[in-house]
């Protein structure tokens, strides 16, 4: 994204400032890119969410259902956001970058899955306390499915921000200012 205006308002696509540009312009450039990343991630999250819900409803524990669903989603996001949001620095191998991204995701998804499972357990305890399991079962859902996907929704904003900054770090070479 480049602005054809004065030198004091020109900001490159990745948010790096050219001489005389303001911090606000840099923030706006990063915010615009984050919005695009969030949209692509939202599509990946839907893939992730549907996979997780299906696996949980089929009897797989929340931790593993979230782990498998998340890897479907993050792989989609890596390729689409890598092409449309981030500018790959140099001639670095996509295979190597994907491997590094998956290593990051093993750590991030394991932490998010553990947090999701813990929140799911707390929500399930609350549902049992208020005697709501019969209502949820009457809707055709397993209570653990409802609690698992609700917990996932609570964890998602944190993983979204972390993934944006990690992909930016991984894919783009930052020039010294």
N, C-alpha and C. Protein backbone atom coordinates (compact mmCIF):
# COMPACT_ATOMS: atom_id res chain seq x y z
N UNK A 1 0.85 -1.17 0.00
CA UNK A 1 0.00 0.00 0.00
C UNK A 1 0.89 1.22 0.00
N UNK A 2 0.79 2.01 -1.01
CA UNK A 2 1.57 3.24 -1.06
C UNK A 2 0.64 4.40 -1.32
N UNK A 3 0.89 5.47 -0.63
CA UNK A 3 0.09 6.68 -0.75
C UNK A 3 0.81 7.62 -1.71
N UNK A 4 0.06 8.15 -2.66
CA UNK A 4 0.68 9.04 -3.64
C UNK A 4 0.86 10.45 -3.12
N UNK A 5 0.53 10.68 -1.86
CA UNK A 5 0.59 12.02 -1.27
C UNK A 5 2.01 12.47 -1.01
N UNK A 6 2.16 13.41 -0.12
CA UNK A 6 3.46 14.00 0.18
C UNK A 6 4.39 12.98 0.82
N UNK A 7 5.65 13.33 0.85
CA UNK A 7 6.65 12.43 1.44
C UNK A 7 6.37 12.16 2.90
N UNK A 8 5.68 13.08 3.57
CA UNK A 8 5.42 12.87 4.99
C UNK A 8 4.31 11.86 5.24
N UNK A 9 3.60 11.42 4.19
CA UNK A 9 2.53 10.44 4.40
C UNK A 9 2.78 9.12 3.69
N UNK A 10 3.93 8.94 3.09
CA UNK A 10 4.19 7.72 2.35
C UNK A 10 4.60 6.61 3.32
N UNK A 11 3.91 5.47 3.22
CA UNK A 11 4.21 4.31 4.04
C UNK A 11 4.24 3.11 3.11
N UNK A 12 5.26 2.30 3.20
CA UNK A 12 5.34 1.10 2.38
C UNK A 12 4.32 0.09 2.86
N UNK A 13 4.06 -0.96 2.04
CA UNK A 13 3.05 -1.97 2.34
C UNK A 13 3.23 -2.60 3.71
N UNK A 14 4.43 -2.87 4.12
CA UNK A 14 4.66 -3.57 5.38
C UNK A 14 4.66 -2.65 6.58
N UNK A 15 4.32 -1.40 6.40
CA UNK A 15 4.25 -0.49 7.53
C UNK A 15 5.56 0.20 7.84
N UNK A 16 6.61 -0.09 7.10
CA UNK A 16 7.89 0.58 7.34
C UNK A 16 7.77 2.02 6.87
N UNK A 17 8.31 2.90 7.64
CA UNK A 17 8.17 4.32 7.34
C UNK A 17 9.24 4.78 6.36
N UNK A 18 8.86 5.67 5.49
CA UNK A 18 9.84 6.40 4.70
C UNK A 18 10.08 7.70 5.45
N UNK A 19 11.10 8.40 5.09
CA UNK A 19 11.47 9.60 5.83
C UNK A 19 10.30 10.57 5.95
N UNK A 20 10.09 11.07 7.15
CA UNK A 20 9.07 12.08 7.40
C UNK A 20 7.68 11.53 7.68
N UNK A 21 7.47 10.23 7.59
CA UNK A 21 6.12 9.71 7.84
C UNK A 21 5.86 9.60 9.33
N UNK A 22 4.61 9.64 9.69
CA UNK A 22 4.25 9.66 11.11
C UNK A 22 4.01 8.26 11.66
N UNK A 23 4.04 8.16 12.96
CA UNK A 23 3.75 6.90 13.64
C UNK A 23 2.32 6.46 13.37
N UNK A 24 1.43 7.42 13.23
CA UNK A 24 0.03 7.10 12.94
C UNK A 24 -0.10 6.40 11.59
N UNK A 25 0.63 6.88 10.59
CA UNK A 25 0.59 6.24 9.27
C UNK A 25 1.13 4.81 9.34
N UNK A 26 2.18 4.61 10.11
CA UNK A 26 2.74 3.27 10.28
C UNK A 26 1.72 2.37 10.97
N UNK A 27 1.10 2.87 12.01
CA UNK A 27 0.07 2.10 12.71
C UNK A 27 -1.08 1.74 11.77
N UNK A 28 -1.53 2.71 10.98
CA UNK A 28 -2.63 2.47 10.04
C UNK A 28 -2.27 1.40 9.01
N UNK A 29 -1.03 1.43 8.53
CA UNK A 29 -0.60 0.43 7.55
C UNK A 29 -0.59 -0.96 8.16
N UNK A 30 -0.09 -1.08 9.38
CA UNK A 30 -0.07 -2.38 10.06
C UNK A 30 -1.50 -2.82 10.37
N UNK A 31 -2.35 -1.89 10.81
CA UNK A 31 -3.74 -2.22 11.12
C UNK A 31 -4.48 -2.72 9.89
N UNK A 32 -4.21 -2.12 8.74
CA UNK A 32 -4.86 -2.55 7.50
C UNK A 32 -4.41 -3.97 7.14
N UNK A 33 -3.13 -4.23 7.27
CA UNK A 33 -2.62 -5.58 6.99
C UNK A 33 -3.17 -6.59 7.99
N UNK A 34 -3.26 -6.19 9.26
CA UNK A 34 -3.82 -7.09 10.27
C UNK A 34 -5.27 -7.41 9.95
N UNK A 35 -6.02 -6.43 9.47
CA UNK A 35 -7.42 -6.67 9.09
C UNK A 35 -7.52 -7.72 7.99
N UNK A 36 -6.66 -7.61 6.98
CA UNK A 36 -6.63 -8.62 5.92
C UNK A 36 -6.25 -9.99 6.45
N UNK A 37 -5.26 -10.00 7.34
CA UNK A 37 -4.84 -11.26 7.96
C UNK A 37 -5.98 -11.85 8.79
N UNK A 38 -6.70 -10.99 9.51
CA UNK A 38 -7.82 -11.46 10.33
C UNK A 38 -8.92 -12.08 9.46
N UNK A 39 -9.18 -11.49 8.31
CA UNK A 39 -10.19 -12.03 7.40
C UNK A 39 -9.77 -13.42 6.90
N UNK A 40 -8.54 -13.54 6.45
CA UNK A 40 -8.04 -14.84 5.98
C UNK A 40 -8.03 -15.83 7.14
N UNK A 41 -7.60 -15.38 8.30
CA UNK A 41 -7.57 -16.25 9.48
C UNK A 41 -8.98 -16.68 9.88
N UNK A 42 -9.95 -15.80 9.67
CA UNK A 42 -11.34 -16.14 9.96
C UNK A 42 -11.82 -17.32 9.12
N UNK A 43 -11.41 -17.34 7.87
CA UNK A 43 -11.76 -18.47 7.00
C UNK A 43 -11.05 -19.73 7.49
N UNK A 44 -9.77 -19.60 7.82
CA UNK A 44 -9.03 -20.73 8.38
C UNK A 44 -9.62 -21.20 9.70
N UNK A 45 -10.09 -20.24 10.51
CA UNK A 45 -10.70 -20.58 11.79
C UNK A 45 -12.00 -21.35 11.58
N UNK A 46 -12.76 -21.00 10.55
CA UNK A 46 -14.00 -21.75 10.25
C UNK A 46 -13.66 -23.20 9.90
N UNK A 47 -12.63 -23.40 9.10
CA UNK A 47 -12.17 -24.75 8.78
C UNK A 47 -11.75 -25.47 10.05
N UNK A 48 -10.97 -24.81 10.87
CA UNK A 48 -10.51 -25.32 12.15
C UNK A 48 -11.70 -25.66 13.06
N UNK A 49 -12.62 -24.71 13.19
CA UNK A 49 -13.77 -24.83 14.08
C UNK A 49 -14.66 -26.01 13.67
N UNK A 50 -14.97 -26.11 12.39
CA UNK A 50 -15.83 -27.20 11.91
C UNK A 50 -15.16 -28.56 12.09
N UNK A 51 -13.85 -28.61 11.85
CA UNK A 51 -13.12 -29.86 12.06
C UNK A 51 -13.14 -30.23 13.53
N UNK A 52 -12.86 -29.26 14.40
CA UNK A 52 -12.86 -29.52 15.84
C UNK A 52 -14.23 -29.98 16.33
N UNK A 53 -15.28 -29.26 15.93
CA UNK A 53 -16.64 -29.61 16.38
C UNK A 53 -17.03 -31.01 15.90
N UNK A 54 -16.70 -31.33 14.66
CA UNK A 54 -17.02 -32.65 14.12
C UNK A 54 -16.28 -33.74 14.87
N UNK A 55 -15.00 -33.54 15.11
CA UNK A 55 -14.21 -34.54 15.83
C UNK A 55 -14.66 -34.69 17.28
N UNK A 56 -14.98 -33.57 17.93
CA UNK A 56 -15.46 -33.63 19.32
C UNK A 56 -16.81 -34.34 19.39
N UNK A 57 -17.70 -34.00 18.48
CA UNK A 57 -19.02 -34.64 18.43
C UNK A 57 -18.88 -36.14 18.16
N UNK A 58 -17.81 -36.52 17.46
CA UNK A 58 -17.56 -37.93 17.15
C UNK A 58 -16.88 -38.67 18.30
N UNK A 59 -16.54 -37.95 19.37
CA UNK A 59 -15.98 -38.60 20.55
C UNK A 59 -14.51 -38.35 20.81
N UNK A 60 -13.82 -37.62 19.95
CA UNK A 60 -12.41 -37.33 20.18
C UNK A 60 -12.30 -36.30 21.32
N UNK A 61 -11.35 -36.44 22.24
CA UNK A 61 -11.19 -35.45 23.31
C UNK A 61 -10.92 -34.05 22.75
N UNK A 62 -11.36 -33.03 23.49
CA UNK A 62 -11.25 -31.64 23.06
C UNK A 62 -9.82 -31.27 22.69
N UNK A 63 -8.84 -31.68 23.49
CA UNK A 63 -7.45 -31.33 23.20
C UNK A 63 -7.05 -31.77 21.80
N UNK A 64 -7.28 -33.05 21.47
CA UNK A 64 -6.85 -33.59 20.17
C UNK A 64 -7.71 -33.05 19.03
N UNK A 65 -8.99 -32.88 19.26
CA UNK A 65 -9.86 -32.31 18.22
C UNK A 65 -9.41 -30.89 17.89
N UNK A 66 -9.07 -30.11 18.91
CA UNK A 66 -8.60 -28.75 18.69
C UNK A 66 -7.25 -28.76 17.98
N UNK A 67 -6.37 -29.66 18.36
CA UNK A 67 -5.04 -29.74 17.77
C UNK A 67 -5.13 -30.05 16.27
N UNK A 68 -5.92 -31.04 15.90
CA UNK A 68 -6.07 -31.42 14.48
C UNK A 68 -6.75 -30.31 13.69
N UNK A 69 -7.84 -29.77 14.23
CA UNK A 69 -8.55 -28.69 13.55
C UNK A 69 -7.66 -27.47 13.34
N UNK A 70 -6.89 -27.14 14.37
CA UNK A 70 -6.01 -25.97 14.28
C UNK A 70 -4.97 -26.14 13.18
N UNK A 71 -4.39 -27.32 13.04
CA UNK A 71 -3.39 -27.51 11.99
C UNK A 71 -3.99 -27.43 10.59
N UNK A 72 -5.24 -27.84 10.43
CA UNK A 72 -5.91 -27.63 9.13
C UNK A 72 -6.02 -26.13 8.86
N UNK A 73 -6.47 -25.38 9.85
CA UNK A 73 -6.65 -23.94 9.69
C UNK A 73 -5.36 -23.17 9.48
N UNK A 74 -4.33 -23.46 10.29
CA UNK A 74 -3.09 -22.69 10.18
C UNK A 74 -2.34 -22.97 8.88
N UNK A 75 -2.48 -24.17 8.35
CA UNK A 75 -1.83 -24.47 7.07
C UNK A 75 -2.48 -23.66 5.95
N UNK A 76 -3.80 -23.59 5.97
CA UNK A 76 -4.53 -22.75 5.00
C UNK A 76 -4.07 -21.30 5.12
N UNK A 77 -4.03 -20.77 6.35
CA UNK A 77 -3.65 -19.38 6.58
C UNK A 77 -2.21 -19.12 6.12
N UNK A 78 -1.30 -20.05 6.38
CA UNK A 78 0.10 -19.87 5.97
C UNK A 78 0.19 -19.60 4.47
N UNK A 79 -0.48 -20.43 3.69
CA UNK A 79 -0.37 -20.28 2.23
C UNK A 79 -1.11 -19.05 1.71
N UNK A 80 -2.31 -18.80 2.19
CA UNK A 80 -3.09 -17.67 1.65
C UNK A 80 -2.55 -16.33 2.15
N UNK A 81 -2.33 -16.21 3.46
CA UNK A 81 -1.79 -14.95 3.99
C UNK A 81 -0.36 -14.74 3.52
N UNK A 82 0.40 -15.81 3.41
CA UNK A 82 1.77 -15.69 2.92
C UNK A 82 1.83 -15.12 1.52
N UNK A 83 0.81 -15.41 0.73
CA UNK A 83 0.78 -14.90 -0.65
C UNK A 83 0.18 -13.50 -0.73
N UNK A 84 -0.85 -13.21 0.06
CA UNK A 84 -1.61 -11.96 -0.11
C UNK A 84 -1.32 -10.87 0.93
N UNK A 85 -0.77 -11.21 2.08
CA UNK A 85 -0.58 -10.22 3.15
C UNK A 85 0.90 -9.91 3.37
N UNK A 86 1.72 -10.91 3.38
CA UNK A 86 3.13 -10.74 3.70
C UNK A 86 3.98 -10.82 2.44
N UNK A 87 5.10 -10.12 2.45
CA UNK A 87 6.05 -10.18 1.34
C UNK A 87 7.24 -11.01 1.80
N UNK A 88 7.39 -12.19 1.19
CA UNK A 88 8.47 -13.09 1.57
C UNK A 88 9.81 -12.43 1.24
N UNK A 89 10.68 -12.41 2.24
CA UNK A 89 12.00 -11.79 2.07
C UNK A 89 12.93 -12.75 1.33
N UNK A 90 13.57 -12.24 0.32
CA UNK A 90 14.58 -13.01 -0.38
C UNK A 90 14.04 -14.25 -1.06
N UNK A 91 14.93 -15.21 -1.27
CA UNK A 91 14.56 -16.44 -1.95
C UNK A 91 14.52 -17.60 -0.98
N UNK A 92 13.98 -17.37 0.19
CA UNK A 92 13.90 -18.41 1.21
C UNK A 92 12.90 -19.48 0.80
N UNK A 93 13.22 -20.72 1.07
CA UNK A 93 12.41 -21.87 0.68
C UNK A 93 11.06 -21.88 1.40
N UNK A 94 9.99 -22.03 0.62
CA UNK A 94 8.65 -22.13 1.21
C UNK A 94 8.56 -23.37 2.10
N UNK A 95 9.22 -24.45 1.71
CA UNK A 95 9.21 -25.68 2.51
C UNK A 95 9.85 -25.44 3.88
N UNK A 96 10.98 -24.75 3.89
CA UNK A 96 11.66 -24.45 5.16
C UNK A 96 10.79 -23.51 6.00
N UNK A 97 10.23 -22.48 5.37
CA UNK A 97 9.38 -21.54 6.11
C UNK A 97 8.16 -22.24 6.68
N UNK A 98 7.54 -23.14 5.90
CA UNK A 98 6.38 -23.89 6.40
C UNK A 98 6.79 -24.79 7.56
N UNK A 99 7.95 -25.43 7.47
CA UNK A 99 8.43 -26.26 8.58
C UNK A 99 8.63 -25.43 9.84
N UNK A 100 9.24 -24.25 9.70
CA UNK A 100 9.42 -23.37 10.86
C UNK A 100 8.07 -22.91 11.42
N UNK A 101 7.14 -22.60 10.53
CA UNK A 101 5.80 -22.19 10.96
C UNK A 101 5.10 -23.32 11.70
N UNK A 102 5.23 -24.54 11.20
CA UNK A 102 4.62 -25.68 11.89
C UNK A 102 5.27 -25.92 13.25
N UNK A 103 6.59 -25.71 13.37
CA UNK A 103 7.24 -25.84 14.68
C UNK A 103 6.64 -24.83 15.65
N UNK A 104 6.52 -23.57 15.20
CA UNK A 104 5.86 -22.54 16.01
C UNK A 104 4.46 -23.00 16.38
N UNK A 105 3.71 -23.53 15.43
CA UNK A 105 2.33 -23.93 15.66
C UNK A 105 2.23 -25.12 16.61
N UNK A 106 3.20 -26.03 16.58
CA UNK A 106 3.18 -27.14 17.55
C UNK A 106 3.17 -26.57 18.96
N UNK A 107 4.03 -25.59 19.20
CA UNK A 107 4.10 -24.96 20.53
C UNK A 107 2.83 -24.15 20.80
N UNK A 108 2.45 -23.29 19.84
CA UNK A 108 1.30 -22.41 20.04
C UNK A 108 -0.01 -23.20 20.14
N UNK A 109 -0.19 -24.18 19.27
CA UNK A 109 -1.43 -24.96 19.28
C UNK A 109 -1.50 -25.85 20.51
N UNK A 110 -0.37 -26.39 20.93
CA UNK A 110 -0.37 -27.19 22.17
C UNK A 110 -0.80 -26.33 23.35
N UNK A 111 -0.25 -25.14 23.45
CA UNK A 111 -0.63 -24.23 24.54
C UNK A 111 -2.10 -23.83 24.42
N UNK A 112 -2.54 -23.48 23.20
CA UNK A 112 -3.94 -23.08 23.00
C UNK A 112 -4.88 -24.26 23.25
N UNK A 113 -4.48 -25.46 22.86
CA UNK A 113 -5.32 -26.64 23.08
C UNK A 113 -5.45 -26.95 24.56
N UNK A 114 -4.34 -26.81 25.29
CA UNK A 114 -4.40 -27.03 26.74
C UNK A 114 -5.29 -25.99 27.40
N UNK A 115 -5.15 -24.74 26.99
CA UNK A 115 -6.00 -23.68 27.54
C UNK A 115 -7.46 -23.91 27.17
N UNK A 116 -7.71 -24.30 25.92
CA UNK A 116 -9.07 -24.58 25.47
C UNK A 116 -9.67 -25.74 26.25
N UNK A 117 -8.89 -26.80 26.45
CA UNK A 117 -9.38 -27.95 27.22
C UNK A 117 -9.67 -27.56 28.67
N UNK A 118 -8.79 -26.75 29.27
CA UNK A 118 -9.02 -26.30 30.64
C UNK A 118 -10.26 -25.43 30.77
N UNK A 119 -10.42 -24.48 29.84
CA UNK A 119 -11.62 -23.64 29.85
C UNK A 119 -12.87 -24.47 29.59
N UNK A 120 -12.76 -25.45 28.70
CA UNK A 120 -13.88 -26.34 28.40
C UNK A 120 -14.30 -27.10 29.65
N UNK A 121 -13.32 -27.59 30.39
CA UNK A 121 -13.61 -28.30 31.64
C UNK A 121 -14.33 -27.37 32.62
N UNK A 122 -13.85 -26.13 32.75
CA UNK A 122 -14.48 -25.17 33.66
C UNK A 122 -15.91 -24.85 33.21
N UNK A 123 -16.11 -24.67 31.91
CA UNK A 123 -17.45 -24.41 31.39
C UNK A 123 -18.37 -25.61 31.59
N UNK A 124 -17.83 -26.81 31.42
CA UNK A 124 -18.61 -28.04 31.63
C UNK A 124 -19.02 -28.15 33.09
N UNK A 125 -18.11 -27.82 33.99
CA UNK A 125 -18.44 -27.83 35.43
C UNK A 125 -19.55 -26.83 35.73
N UNK A 126 -19.47 -25.66 35.12
CA UNK A 126 -20.51 -24.64 35.29
C UNK A 126 -21.84 -25.13 34.72
N UNK A 127 -21.81 -25.75 33.56
CA UNK A 127 -23.03 -26.26 32.94
C UNK A 127 -23.69 -27.33 33.81
N UNK A 128 -22.89 -28.20 34.40
CA UNK A 128 -23.41 -29.23 35.30
C UNK A 128 -23.99 -28.59 36.55
N UNK A 129 -23.30 -27.57 37.08
CA UNK A 129 -23.76 -26.88 38.29
C UNK A 129 -25.13 -26.25 38.10
N UNK A 130 -25.37 -25.66 36.93
CA UNK A 130 -26.66 -25.01 36.68
C UNK A 130 -27.66 -25.97 36.05
N UNK A 131 -27.30 -27.26 36.00
CA UNK A 131 -28.17 -28.31 35.47
C UNK A 131 -28.59 -28.04 34.03
N UNK A 132 -27.62 -27.62 33.21
CA UNK A 132 -27.92 -27.28 31.82
C UNK A 132 -27.59 -28.36 30.82
N UNK A 133 -27.07 -29.50 31.28
CA UNK A 133 -26.67 -30.54 30.33
C UNK A 133 -27.86 -31.14 29.59
N UNK A 134 -29.00 -31.28 30.25
CA UNK A 134 -30.18 -31.84 29.58
C UNK A 134 -30.64 -30.92 28.44
N UNK A 135 -30.58 -29.61 28.67
CA UNK A 135 -30.98 -28.65 27.64
C UNK A 135 -30.08 -28.77 26.41
N UNK A 136 -28.77 -28.82 26.65
CA UNK A 136 -27.80 -28.91 25.55
C UNK A 136 -27.99 -30.23 24.79
N UNK A 137 -28.16 -31.31 25.53
CA UNK A 137 -28.39 -32.61 24.90
C UNK A 137 -29.67 -32.60 24.08
N UNK A 138 -30.68 -31.89 24.57
CA UNK A 138 -31.94 -31.75 23.83
C UNK A 138 -31.77 -31.03 22.51
N UNK A 139 -30.73 -30.23 22.38
CA UNK A 139 -30.43 -29.54 21.12
C UNK A 139 -29.69 -30.44 20.14
N UNK A 140 -29.35 -31.65 20.58
CA UNK A 140 -28.63 -32.58 19.72
C UNK A 140 -27.13 -32.47 19.82
N UNK A 141 -26.64 -31.71 20.79
CA UNK A 141 -25.20 -31.55 20.99
C UNK A 141 -24.75 -32.30 22.23
N UNK A 142 -23.53 -32.75 22.19
CA UNK A 142 -22.92 -33.24 23.42
C UNK A 142 -22.49 -32.00 24.20
N UNK A 143 -22.73 -31.97 25.51
CA UNK A 143 -22.31 -30.80 26.30
C UNK A 143 -20.82 -30.47 26.13
N UNK A 144 -19.97 -31.48 25.99
CA UNK A 144 -18.55 -31.23 25.81
C UNK A 144 -18.27 -30.50 24.50
N UNK A 145 -19.09 -30.74 23.48
CA UNK A 145 -18.91 -30.03 22.20
C UNK A 145 -19.19 -28.55 22.39
N UNK A 146 -20.31 -28.22 23.01
CA UNK A 146 -20.67 -26.82 23.25
C UNK A 146 -19.61 -26.12 24.10
N UNK A 147 -19.18 -26.78 25.17
CA UNK A 147 -18.17 -26.17 26.04
C UNK A 147 -16.83 -26.04 25.32
N UNK A 148 -16.46 -27.02 24.51
CA UNK A 148 -15.20 -26.97 23.77
C UNK A 148 -15.15 -25.84 22.76
N UNK A 149 -16.22 -25.70 21.97
CA UNK A 149 -16.20 -24.64 20.96
C UNK A 149 -16.34 -23.26 21.61
N UNK A 150 -17.05 -23.17 22.73
CA UNK A 150 -17.13 -21.89 23.44
C UNK A 150 -15.75 -21.49 23.98
N UNK A 151 -15.05 -22.45 24.55
CA UNK A 151 -13.70 -22.19 25.05
C UNK A 151 -12.78 -21.76 23.90
N UNK A 152 -12.93 -22.39 22.75
CA UNK A 152 -12.11 -22.05 21.58
C UNK A 152 -12.35 -20.60 21.17
N UNK A 153 -13.60 -20.16 21.21
CA UNK A 153 -13.92 -18.78 20.86
C UNK A 153 -13.25 -17.79 21.81
N UNK A 154 -13.11 -18.16 23.07
CA UNK A 154 -12.47 -17.29 24.05
C UNK A 154 -10.95 -17.21 23.86
N UNK A 155 -10.35 -18.27 23.37
CA UNK A 155 -8.90 -18.33 23.19
C UNK A 155 -8.46 -17.69 21.86
N UNK A 156 -9.33 -17.73 20.86
CA UNK A 156 -8.98 -17.31 19.50
C UNK A 156 -8.38 -15.91 19.37
N UNK A 157 -8.89 -14.86 20.01
CA UNK A 157 -8.28 -13.53 19.81
C UNK A 157 -6.79 -13.49 20.15
N UNK A 158 -6.40 -14.22 21.16
CA UNK A 158 -4.99 -14.23 21.56
C UNK A 158 -4.12 -14.95 20.53
N UNK A 159 -4.62 -16.07 20.00
CA UNK A 159 -3.85 -16.80 19.00
C UNK A 159 -3.78 -16.03 17.68
N UNK A 160 -4.82 -15.29 17.36
CA UNK A 160 -4.84 -14.49 16.12
C UNK A 160 -3.71 -13.45 16.13
N UNK A 161 -3.61 -12.71 17.21
CA UNK A 161 -2.57 -11.67 17.32
C UNK A 161 -1.17 -12.30 17.31
N UNK A 162 -0.99 -13.37 18.06
CA UNK A 162 0.32 -14.04 18.10
C UNK A 162 0.72 -14.55 16.72
N UNK A 163 -0.22 -15.13 15.99
CA UNK A 163 0.10 -15.67 14.67
C UNK A 163 0.43 -14.58 13.66
N UNK A 164 -0.26 -13.45 13.73
CA UNK A 164 0.04 -12.33 12.83
C UNK A 164 1.49 -11.89 13.00
N UNK A 165 1.89 -11.66 14.24
CA UNK A 165 3.24 -11.16 14.48
C UNK A 165 4.31 -12.22 14.19
N UNK A 166 3.99 -13.49 14.45
CA UNK A 166 4.97 -14.52 14.12
C UNK A 166 5.14 -14.65 12.60
N UNK A 167 4.05 -14.64 11.85
CA UNK A 167 4.17 -14.73 10.39
C UNK A 167 4.93 -13.54 9.83
N UNK A 168 4.68 -12.38 10.38
CA UNK A 168 5.40 -11.18 9.93
C UNK A 168 6.90 -11.33 10.21
N UNK A 169 7.21 -11.81 11.40
CA UNK A 169 8.61 -12.05 11.77
C UNK A 169 9.25 -13.11 10.86
N UNK A 170 8.53 -14.20 10.61
CA UNK A 170 9.07 -15.31 9.84
C UNK A 170 9.26 -14.99 8.36
N UNK A 171 8.27 -14.34 7.77
CA UNK A 171 8.27 -14.17 6.32
C UNK A 171 8.98 -12.91 5.82
N UNK A 172 9.03 -11.88 6.64
CA UNK A 172 9.55 -10.61 6.15
C UNK A 172 10.88 -10.27 6.81
N UNK A 173 11.78 -9.76 6.00
CA UNK A 173 13.07 -9.29 6.50
C UNK A 173 12.92 -7.83 6.90
N UNK A 174 13.23 -7.52 8.13
CA UNK A 174 13.13 -6.13 8.59
C UNK A 174 14.45 -5.44 8.37
N UNK A 175 14.39 -4.35 7.65
CA UNK A 175 15.58 -3.53 7.45
C UNK A 175 15.81 -2.70 8.71
N UNK A 176 17.05 -2.47 9.04
CA UNK A 176 17.31 -1.64 10.21
C UNK A 176 16.92 -0.20 9.90
N UNK A 177 16.25 0.42 10.85
CA UNK A 177 15.76 1.80 10.67
C UNK A 177 16.84 2.81 10.97
